[in-house]
Amino acid sequence: MDKRSDKQQETLAVGLTPVEKSLMVNLRQKRTLLTICEYYQRNAAAAEAEMAIWMDELAETLRSDMADISRMLRLYDLSSADVYAVRSQVDEARYVRSREGRLDLLRGRSYATIRWYQQELGAHPPDDVAALWNAFLASEQERVQQIEQMLTESTNTTPAQT
């Protein structure tokens, strides 16, 4: 985990345009979620087959999304190297032990990200950024449906069936 402080991250945003800040914030959100995902992948509680496969797919999606954002940042002459995960959010996620708790945490993050994309799209970003946000928004909405399905299946499974 990166030891830099959130203050250092905020300092990097000084002087950026709203679009540039938006790209940096989104990259940070993705890196945070990827770090949480990777932690859950390493943890025995997430070793259940369905959850492990889903986490692998989520991690790959996040890496691809981060590559897209990094390319976009380069178009704005910005580096993605100094953007890192939000330590406090990753630390909080490490305390969640149950499968349902982890799914609930990921669902909450997805809902927050959906609202963020909707807000950013309401600010009418340039077409290339808007296209990226729309694609990511659709992906987050699909992720919420997947999480809710897994939570429903988990609730419907009794200990005798496991």
N, C-alpha and C. Protein backbone atom coordinates (compact mmCIF):
# COMPACT_ATOMS: atom_id res chain seq x y z
N MET A 1 0.84 -1.18 0.00
CA MET A 1 0.00 0.00 0.00
C MET A 1 0.88 1.24 0.00
N ASP A 2 0.48 2.20 -0.77
CA ASP A 2 1.24 3.44 -0.88
C ASP A 2 1.19 4.21 0.44
N LYS A 3 2.31 4.73 0.87
CA LYS A 3 2.43 5.43 2.15
C LYS A 3 2.22 6.94 2.02
N ARG A 4 2.04 7.44 0.81
CA ARG A 4 1.84 8.88 0.65
C ARG A 4 0.51 9.30 1.26
N SER A 5 0.42 10.55 1.66
CA SER A 5 -0.79 11.04 2.31
C SER A 5 -1.78 11.57 1.27
N ASP A 6 -3.04 11.68 1.70
CA ASP A 6 -4.06 12.24 0.83
C ASP A 6 -3.77 13.71 0.53
N LYS A 7 -3.11 14.40 1.43
CA LYS A 7 -2.74 15.80 1.20
C LYS A 7 -1.82 15.92 -0.02
N GLN A 8 -0.89 14.98 -0.16
CA GLN A 8 0.00 14.99 -1.31
C GLN A 8 -0.80 14.82 -2.60
N GLN A 9 -1.84 13.98 -2.56
CA GLN A 9 -2.69 13.77 -3.73
C GLN A 9 -3.45 15.04 -4.07
N GLU A 10 -3.95 15.73 -3.06
CA GLU A 10 -4.69 16.97 -3.28
C GLU A 10 -3.79 18.05 -3.88
N THR A 11 -2.54 18.08 -3.47
CA THR A 11 -1.59 19.05 -3.99
C THR A 11 -1.39 18.86 -5.49
N LEU A 12 -1.41 17.63 -5.95
CA LEU A 12 -1.23 17.36 -7.37
C LEU A 12 -2.37 17.94 -8.21
N ALA A 13 -3.56 18.09 -7.62
CA ALA A 13 -4.73 18.56 -8.36
C ALA A 13 -4.76 20.08 -8.53
N VAL A 14 -3.91 20.79 -7.80
CA VAL A 14 -3.89 22.25 -7.90
C VAL A 14 -3.48 22.65 -9.31
N GLY A 15 -4.25 23.53 -9.90
CA GLY A 15 -3.91 24.04 -11.23
C GLY A 15 -4.46 23.22 -12.38
N LEU A 16 -5.15 22.15 -12.08
CA LEU A 16 -5.72 21.34 -13.16
C LEU A 16 -7.08 21.88 -13.57
N THR A 17 -7.45 21.66 -14.81
CA THR A 17 -8.78 22.04 -15.28
C THR A 17 -9.79 21.07 -14.67
N PRO A 18 -11.08 21.41 -14.70
CA PRO A 18 -12.09 20.48 -14.17
C PRO A 18 -12.04 19.10 -14.85
N VAL A 19 -11.82 19.05 -16.14
CA VAL A 19 -11.75 17.77 -16.85
C VAL A 19 -10.55 16.97 -16.39
N GLU A 20 -9.42 17.63 -16.25
CA GLU A 20 -8.20 16.95 -15.79
C GLU A 20 -8.38 16.42 -14.37
N LYS A 21 -8.98 17.22 -13.49
CA LYS A 21 -9.26 16.77 -12.13
C LYS A 21 -10.20 15.58 -12.14
N SER A 22 -11.20 15.64 -12.98
CA SER A 22 -12.17 14.56 -13.09
C SER A 22 -11.49 13.25 -13.49
N LEU A 23 -10.61 13.33 -14.47
CA LEU A 23 -9.87 12.14 -14.90
C LEU A 23 -9.00 11.59 -13.77
N MET A 24 -8.33 12.49 -13.05
CA MET A 24 -7.47 12.07 -11.95
C MET A 24 -8.29 11.44 -10.82
N VAL A 25 -9.42 12.04 -10.50
CA VAL A 25 -10.28 11.51 -9.44
C VAL A 25 -10.78 10.12 -9.83
N ASN A 26 -11.18 9.95 -11.08
CA ASN A 26 -11.69 8.66 -11.51
C ASN A 26 -10.60 7.60 -11.49
N LEU A 27 -9.41 7.96 -11.89
CA LEU A 27 -8.30 7.02 -11.83
C LEU A 27 -8.04 6.62 -10.38
N ARG A 28 -8.12 7.57 -9.50
CA ARG A 28 -7.91 7.27 -8.08
C ARG A 28 -9.00 6.34 -7.55
N GLN A 29 -10.25 6.57 -7.96
CA GLN A 29 -11.34 5.69 -7.56
C GLN A 29 -11.09 4.26 -8.04
N LYS A 30 -10.67 4.14 -9.28
CA LYS A 30 -10.41 2.82 -9.86
C LYS A 30 -9.24 2.13 -9.14
N ARG A 31 -8.18 2.87 -8.88
CA ARG A 31 -7.02 2.28 -8.18
C ARG A 31 -7.42 1.84 -6.77
N THR A 32 -8.26 2.61 -6.12
CA THR A 32 -8.72 2.24 -4.78
C THR A 32 -9.51 0.94 -4.85
N LEU A 33 -10.45 0.87 -5.76
CA LEU A 33 -11.26 -0.34 -5.89
C LEU A 33 -10.41 -1.54 -6.29
N LEU A 34 -9.45 -1.34 -7.17
CA LEU A 34 -8.57 -2.44 -7.57
C LEU A 34 -7.75 -2.92 -6.36
N THR A 35 -7.25 -2.00 -5.56
CA THR A 35 -6.48 -2.39 -4.37
C THR A 35 -7.35 -3.18 -3.40
N ILE A 36 -8.58 -2.76 -3.20
CA ILE A 36 -9.52 -3.50 -2.35
C ILE A 36 -9.77 -4.89 -2.93
N CYS A 37 -10.02 -4.93 -4.22
CA CYS A 37 -10.27 -6.19 -4.92
C CYS A 37 -9.10 -7.15 -4.76
N GLU A 38 -7.91 -6.65 -4.98
CA GLU A 38 -6.72 -7.50 -4.86
C GLU A 38 -6.54 -8.00 -3.43
N TYR A 39 -6.87 -7.18 -2.46
CA TYR A 39 -6.81 -7.61 -1.07
C TYR A 39 -7.81 -8.75 -0.84
N TYR A 40 -9.03 -8.58 -1.31
CA TYR A 40 -10.06 -9.61 -1.14
C TYR A 40 -9.68 -10.90 -1.87
N GLN A 41 -9.02 -10.77 -3.02
CA GLN A 41 -8.59 -11.96 -3.76
C GLN A 41 -7.58 -12.77 -2.96
N ARG A 42 -6.73 -12.10 -2.24
CA ARG A 42 -5.69 -12.79 -1.46
C ARG A 42 -6.23 -13.38 -0.17
N ASN A 43 -7.40 -12.93 0.25
CA ASN A 43 -7.95 -13.34 1.53
C ASN A 43 -8.76 -14.62 1.38
N ALA A 44 -8.60 -15.55 2.30
CA ALA A 44 -9.25 -16.87 2.23
C ALA A 44 -10.77 -16.78 2.16
N ALA A 45 -11.37 -15.75 2.79
CA ALA A 45 -12.83 -15.65 2.79
C ALA A 45 -13.39 -15.42 1.39
N ALA A 46 -12.58 -14.89 0.50
CA ALA A 46 -13.03 -14.61 -0.87
C ALA A 46 -12.70 -15.76 -1.81
N ALA A 47 -12.24 -16.88 -1.27
CA ALA A 47 -11.78 -17.98 -2.12
C ALA A 47 -12.92 -18.80 -2.71
N GLU A 48 -14.15 -18.53 -2.31
CA GLU A 48 -15.30 -19.23 -2.89
C GLU A 48 -15.25 -19.08 -4.41
N ALA A 49 -15.52 -20.15 -5.11
CA ALA A 49 -15.33 -20.20 -6.57
C ALA A 49 -16.03 -19.05 -7.31
N GLU A 50 -17.30 -18.87 -7.09
CA GLU A 50 -18.05 -17.83 -7.80
C GLU A 50 -17.48 -16.45 -7.49
N MET A 51 -17.21 -16.20 -6.25
CA MET A 51 -16.68 -14.89 -5.84
C MET A 51 -15.28 -14.68 -6.40
N ALA A 52 -14.45 -15.71 -6.38
CA ALA A 52 -13.08 -15.59 -6.90
C ALA A 52 -13.09 -15.28 -8.39
N ILE A 53 -13.92 -15.95 -9.14
CA ILE A 53 -14.02 -15.70 -10.59
C ILE A 53 -14.51 -14.29 -10.84
N TRP A 54 -15.52 -13.87 -10.10
CA TRP A 54 -16.07 -12.52 -10.27
C TRP A 54 -15.02 -11.47 -9.92
N MET A 55 -14.27 -11.69 -8.84
CA MET A 55 -13.22 -10.75 -8.44
C MET A 55 -12.12 -10.68 -9.50
N ASP A 56 -11.76 -11.81 -10.09
CA ASP A 56 -10.76 -11.82 -11.17
C ASP A 56 -11.24 -10.96 -12.34
N GLU A 57 -12.50 -11.14 -12.72
CA GLU A 57 -13.07 -10.37 -13.83
C GLU A 57 -13.13 -8.88 -13.49
N LEU A 58 -13.50 -8.57 -12.25
CA LEU A 58 -13.57 -7.18 -11.82
C LEU A 58 -12.18 -6.54 -11.85
N ALA A 59 -11.19 -7.26 -11.36
CA ALA A 59 -9.82 -6.73 -11.37
C ALA A 59 -9.34 -6.46 -12.80
N GLU A 60 -9.65 -7.37 -13.71
CA GLU A 60 -9.25 -7.16 -15.12
C GLU A 60 -9.96 -5.95 -15.72
N THR A 61 -11.25 -5.81 -15.42
CA THR A 61 -12.01 -4.66 -15.91
C THR A 61 -11.41 -3.36 -15.38
N LEU A 62 -11.08 -3.35 -14.10
CA LEU A 62 -10.51 -2.14 -13.50
C LEU A 62 -9.16 -1.80 -14.13
N ARG A 63 -8.34 -2.81 -14.37
CA ARG A 63 -7.05 -2.55 -15.02
C ARG A 63 -7.24 -1.96 -16.42
N SER A 64 -8.20 -2.50 -17.15
CA SER A 64 -8.50 -1.99 -18.49
C SER A 64 -9.01 -0.55 -18.42
N ASP A 65 -9.92 -0.28 -17.47
CA ASP A 65 -10.45 1.07 -17.28
C ASP A 65 -9.33 2.05 -16.94
N MET A 66 -8.43 1.62 -16.06
CA MET A 66 -7.32 2.47 -15.66
C MET A 66 -6.41 2.77 -16.85
N ALA A 67 -6.22 1.79 -17.71
CA ALA A 67 -5.41 2.02 -18.92
C ALA A 67 -6.08 3.06 -19.82
N ASP A 68 -7.42 2.98 -19.94
CA ASP A 68 -8.15 3.96 -20.74
C ASP A 68 -8.01 5.37 -20.16
N ILE A 69 -8.14 5.48 -18.85
CA ILE A 69 -8.01 6.79 -18.21
C ILE A 69 -6.57 7.31 -18.35
N SER A 70 -5.60 6.43 -18.19
CA SER A 70 -4.20 6.84 -18.32
C SER A 70 -3.91 7.37 -19.73
N ARG A 71 -4.47 6.70 -20.75
CA ARG A 71 -4.31 7.19 -22.13
C ARG A 71 -4.93 8.58 -22.28
N MET A 72 -6.10 8.74 -21.69
CA MET A 72 -6.79 10.03 -21.77
C MET A 72 -5.96 11.11 -21.05
N LEU A 73 -5.40 10.77 -19.91
CA LEU A 73 -4.57 11.74 -19.19
C LEU A 73 -3.36 12.16 -20.03
N ARG A 74 -2.78 11.19 -20.73
CA ARG A 74 -1.63 11.53 -21.59
C ARG A 74 -2.03 12.52 -22.68
N LEU A 75 -3.26 12.43 -23.18
CA LEU A 75 -3.74 13.39 -24.16
C LEU A 75 -3.80 14.80 -23.57
N TYR A 76 -3.97 14.87 -22.26
CA TYR A 76 -3.99 16.16 -21.57
C TYR A 76 -2.61 16.50 -20.98
N ASP A 77 -1.60 15.77 -21.43
CA ASP A 77 -0.22 15.96 -20.96
C ASP A 77 -0.07 15.79 -19.45
N LEU A 78 -0.78 14.81 -18.90
CA LEU A 78 -0.70 14.51 -17.47
C LEU A 78 -0.23 13.08 -17.28
N SER A 79 0.44 12.85 -16.18
CA SER A 79 0.93 11.52 -15.85
C SER A 79 0.01 10.86 -14.84
N SER A 80 -0.20 9.58 -15.01
CA SER A 80 -1.02 8.84 -14.05
C SER A 80 -0.17 8.23 -12.94
N ALA A 81 1.13 8.39 -13.03
CA ALA A 81 2.04 7.74 -12.09
C ALA A 81 1.85 8.19 -10.64
N ASP A 82 1.44 9.43 -10.43
CA ASP A 82 1.30 9.95 -9.07
C ASP A 82 -0.10 9.78 -8.49
N VAL A 83 -0.96 9.07 -9.18
CA VAL A 83 -2.32 8.84 -8.69
C VAL A 83 -2.34 7.47 -8.03
N TYR A 84 -2.82 7.42 -6.80
CA TYR A 84 -2.80 6.17 -6.06
C TYR A 84 -4.11 5.99 -5.29
N ALA A 85 -4.27 4.83 -4.72
CA ALA A 85 -5.49 4.47 -3.99
C ALA A 85 -5.66 5.32 -2.73
N VAL A 86 -6.91 5.48 -2.32
CA VAL A 86 -7.23 6.20 -1.09
C VAL A 86 -7.00 5.23 0.08
N ARG A 87 -5.96 5.49 0.81
CA ARG A 87 -5.54 4.57 1.87
C ARG A 87 -6.63 4.30 2.90
N SER A 88 -7.33 5.33 3.33
CA SER A 88 -8.35 5.15 4.37
C SER A 88 -9.47 4.22 3.90
N GLN A 89 -9.83 4.30 2.62
CA GLN A 89 -10.88 3.42 2.10
C GLN A 89 -10.41 1.98 2.01
N VAL A 90 -9.16 1.79 1.64
CA VAL A 90 -8.61 0.43 1.57
C VAL A 90 -8.51 -0.15 2.97
N ASP A 91 -8.04 0.66 3.92
CA ASP A 91 -7.93 0.20 5.31
C ASP A 91 -9.30 -0.21 5.85
N GLU A 92 -10.31 0.60 5.56
CA GLU A 92 -11.68 0.29 5.99
C GLU A 92 -12.15 -1.05 5.40
N ALA A 93 -11.86 -1.26 4.15
CA ALA A 93 -12.30 -2.49 3.47
C ALA A 93 -11.65 -3.73 4.06
N ARG A 94 -10.45 -3.59 4.59
CA ARG A 94 -9.73 -4.73 5.15
C ARG A 94 -10.41 -5.30 6.39
N TYR A 95 -11.21 -4.50 7.06
CA TYR A 95 -11.90 -4.95 8.27
C TYR A 95 -13.18 -5.72 7.98
N VAL A 96 -13.61 -5.72 6.74
CA VAL A 96 -14.84 -6.43 6.37
C VAL A 96 -14.47 -7.88 6.09
N ARG A 97 -15.01 -8.79 6.87
CA ARG A 97 -14.60 -10.19 6.79
C ARG A 97 -15.58 -11.09 6.04
N SER A 98 -16.87 -10.82 6.14
CA SER A 98 -17.85 -11.73 5.54
C SER A 98 -18.02 -11.45 4.04
N ARG A 99 -18.41 -12.48 3.34
CA ARG A 99 -18.67 -12.36 1.90
C ARG A 99 -19.75 -11.32 1.65
N GLU A 100 -20.83 -11.39 2.42
CA GLU A 100 -21.94 -10.46 2.25
C GLU A 100 -21.51 -9.03 2.58
N GLY A 101 -20.71 -8.88 3.62
CA GLY A 101 -20.21 -7.56 3.99
C GLY A 101 -19.34 -6.96 2.89
N ARG A 102 -18.51 -7.80 2.30
CA ARG A 102 -17.64 -7.33 1.22
C ARG A 102 -18.45 -6.95 -0.01
N LEU A 103 -19.42 -7.79 -0.34
CA LEU A 103 -20.27 -7.47 -1.49
C LEU A 103 -21.05 -6.18 -1.22
N ASP A 104 -21.53 -6.01 0.00
CA ASP A 104 -22.26 -4.80 0.35
C ASP A 104 -21.35 -3.57 0.24
N LEU A 105 -20.10 -3.69 0.69
CA LEU A 105 -19.15 -2.59 0.56
C LEU A 105 -18.91 -2.26 -0.91
N LEU A 106 -18.70 -3.26 -1.73
CA LEU A 106 -18.48 -3.03 -3.16
C LEU A 106 -19.71 -2.43 -3.83
N ARG A 107 -20.88 -2.88 -3.41
CA ARG A 107 -22.12 -2.32 -3.96
C ARG A 107 -22.24 -0.85 -3.59
N GLY A 108 -21.94 -0.50 -2.35
CA GLY A 108 -21.99 0.90 -1.91
C GLY A 108 -21.02 1.77 -2.70
N ARG A 109 -19.82 1.24 -2.94
CA ARG A 109 -18.83 1.98 -3.74
C ARG A 109 -19.34 2.16 -5.17
N SER A 110 -19.99 1.13 -5.71
CA SER A 110 -20.52 1.24 -7.07
C SER A 110 -21.63 2.27 -7.14
N TYR A 111 -22.52 2.28 -6.15
CA TYR A 111 -23.58 3.30 -6.13
C TYR A 111 -22.99 4.71 -6.08
N ALA A 112 -21.98 4.90 -5.25
CA ALA A 112 -21.33 6.21 -5.15
C ALA A 112 -20.67 6.59 -6.47
N THR A 113 -20.06 5.61 -7.12
CA THR A 113 -19.41 5.87 -8.41
C THR A 113 -20.43 6.20 -9.49
N ILE A 114 -21.56 5.53 -9.45
CA ILE A 114 -22.65 5.83 -10.41
C ILE A 114 -23.08 7.29 -10.25
N ARG A 115 -23.31 7.70 -9.00
CA ARG A 115 -23.71 9.09 -8.76
C ARG A 115 -22.63 10.05 -9.24
N TRP A 116 -21.36 9.69 -9.04
CA TRP A 116 -20.26 10.54 -9.47
C TRP A 116 -20.26 10.70 -10.99
N TYR A 117 -20.42 9.57 -11.72
CA TYR A 117 -20.45 9.65 -13.18
C TYR A 117 -21.63 10.51 -13.64
N GLN A 118 -22.78 10.35 -13.03
CA GLN A 118 -23.94 11.15 -13.41
C GLN A 118 -23.69 12.63 -13.19
N GLN A 119 -23.05 12.96 -12.07
CA GLN A 119 -22.71 14.36 -11.78
C GLN A 119 -21.71 14.88 -12.80
N GLU A 120 -20.69 14.10 -13.10
CA GLU A 120 -19.68 14.53 -14.08
C GLU A 120 -20.29 14.71 -15.47
N LEU A 121 -21.18 13.81 -15.85
CA LEU A 121 -21.83 13.93 -17.15
C LEU A 121 -22.73 15.16 -17.20
N GLY A 122 -23.33 15.52 -16.05
CA GLY A 122 -24.15 16.73 -15.97
C GLY A 122 -23.35 18.01 -16.16
N ALA A 123 -22.03 17.93 -15.96
CA ALA A 123 -21.15 19.09 -16.15
C ALA A 123 -20.72 19.23 -17.61
N HIS A 124 -21.22 18.36 -18.48
CA HIS A 124 -20.96 18.41 -19.91
C HIS A 124 -19.46 18.42 -20.25
N PRO A 125 -18.79 17.30 -19.94
CA PRO A 125 -17.35 17.22 -20.27
C PRO A 125 -17.16 17.13 -21.78
N PRO A 126 -15.93 17.26 -22.26
CA PRO A 126 -15.67 17.08 -23.69
C PRO A 126 -16.17 15.70 -24.15
N ASP A 127 -16.46 15.59 -25.42
CA ASP A 127 -17.06 14.37 -25.97
C ASP A 127 -16.26 13.11 -25.66
N ASP A 128 -14.92 13.18 -25.74
CA ASP A 128 -14.13 11.99 -25.50
C ASP A 128 -14.23 11.53 -24.04
N VAL A 129 -14.26 12.47 -23.13
CA VAL A 129 -14.39 12.14 -21.71
C VAL A 129 -15.82 11.66 -21.42
N ALA A 130 -16.81 12.32 -22.02
CA ALA A 130 -18.21 11.91 -21.83
C ALA A 130 -18.42 10.48 -22.31
N ALA A 131 -17.82 10.13 -23.42
CA ALA A 131 -17.95 8.75 -23.93
C ALA A 131 -17.36 7.75 -22.94
N LEU A 132 -16.22 8.10 -22.37
CA LEU A 132 -15.58 7.24 -21.37
C LEU A 132 -16.46 7.11 -20.14
N TRP A 133 -16.99 8.23 -19.64
CA TRP A 133 -17.84 8.20 -18.45
C TRP A 133 -19.11 7.40 -18.72
N ASN A 134 -19.70 7.53 -19.90
CA ASN A 134 -20.90 6.76 -20.22
C ASN A 134 -20.62 5.26 -20.23
N ALA A 135 -19.50 4.87 -20.79
CA ALA A 135 -19.13 3.45 -20.82
C ALA A 135 -18.89 2.93 -19.40
N PHE A 136 -18.19 3.72 -18.60
CA PHE A 136 -17.92 3.31 -17.21
C PHE A 136 -19.21 3.29 -16.38
N LEU A 137 -20.11 4.23 -16.64
CA LEU A 137 -21.39 4.27 -15.94
C LEU A 137 -22.18 2.99 -16.21
N ALA A 138 -22.24 2.58 -17.47
CA ALA A 138 -22.96 1.35 -17.82
C ALA A 138 -22.32 0.14 -17.13
N SER A 139 -21.01 0.13 -17.07
CA SER A 139 -20.29 -0.96 -16.41
C SER A 139 -20.60 -1.01 -14.91
N GLU A 140 -20.65 0.15 -14.27
CA GLU A 140 -20.97 0.21 -12.84
C GLU A 140 -22.40 -0.25 -12.58
N GLN A 141 -23.32 0.15 -13.45
CA GLN A 141 -24.72 -0.26 -13.28
C GLN A 141 -24.85 -1.78 -13.42
N GLU A 142 -24.12 -2.35 -14.34
CA GLU A 142 -24.11 -3.81 -14.50
C GLU A 142 -23.49 -4.47 -13.27
N ARG A 143 -22.43 -3.88 -12.74
CA ARG A 143 -21.77 -4.42 -11.55
C ARG A 143 -22.73 -4.45 -10.36
N VAL A 144 -23.52 -3.40 -10.19
CA VAL A 144 -24.50 -3.36 -9.09
C VAL A 144 -25.49 -4.51 -9.25
N GLN A 145 -25.95 -4.76 -10.47
CA GLN A 145 -26.88 -5.87 -10.69
C GLN A 145 -26.23 -7.21 -10.35
N GLN A 146 -24.97 -7.39 -10.73
CA GLN A 146 -24.26 -8.63 -10.41
C GLN A 146 -24.13 -8.81 -8.90
N ILE A 147 -23.76 -7.75 -8.21
CA ILE A 147 -23.59 -7.82 -6.76
C ILE A 147 -24.92 -8.14 -6.10
N GLU A 148 -25.97 -7.47 -6.53
CA GLU A 148 -27.29 -7.71 -5.94
C GLU A 148 -27.74 -9.15 -6.18
N GLN A 149 -27.43 -9.69 -7.35
CA GLN A 149 -27.75 -11.09 -7.65
C GLN A 149 -27.00 -12.02 -6.70
N MET A 150 -25.70 -11.76 -6.50
CA MET A 150 -24.91 -12.61 -5.60
C MET A 150 -25.40 -12.50 -4.16
N LEU A 151 -25.80 -11.30 -3.75
CA LEU A 151 -26.33 -11.13 -2.40
C LEU A 151 -27.66 -11.86 -2.24
N THR A 152 -28.51 -11.80 -3.26
CA THR A 152 -29.79 -12.50 -3.22
C THR A 152 -29.57 -14.00 -3.15
N GLU A 153 -28.66 -14.51 -3.96
CA GLU A 153 -28.36 -15.95 -3.95
C GLU A 153 -27.79 -16.36 -2.60
N SER A 154 -26.97 -15.51 -2.02
CA SER A 154 -26.36 -15.79 -0.72
C SER A 154 -27.44 -15.85 0.36
N THR A 155 -28.41 -14.94 0.29
CA THR A 155 -29.48 -14.89 1.27
C THR A 155 -30.39 -16.11 1.14
N ASN A 156 -30.59 -16.58 -0.09
CA ASN A 156 -31.48 -17.71 -0.34
C ASN A 156 -30.83 -19.05 -0.04
N THR A 157 -29.53 -19.07 0.20
CA THR A 157 -28.81 -20.30 0.50
C THR A 157 -28.77 -20.50 2.01
N THR A 158 -29.31 -21.59 2.45
CA THR A 158 -29.27 -21.90 3.89
C THR A 158 -28.00 -22.66 4.20
N PRO A 159 -27.56 -22.66 5.45
CA PRO A 159 -26.35 -23.40 5.81
C PRO A 159 -26.43 -24.88 5.44
N ALA A 160 -27.59 -25.48 5.47
CA ALA A 160 -27.74 -26.90 5.12
C ALA A 160 -27.46 -27.15 3.66
N GLN A 161 -27.65 -26.13 2.81
CA GLN A 161 -27.43 -26.29 1.37
C GLN A 161 -25.97 -26.09 1.00
N THR A 162 -25.19 -25.54 1.88
CA THR A 162 -23.80 -25.23 1.55
C THR A 162 -22.87 -26.36 1.70
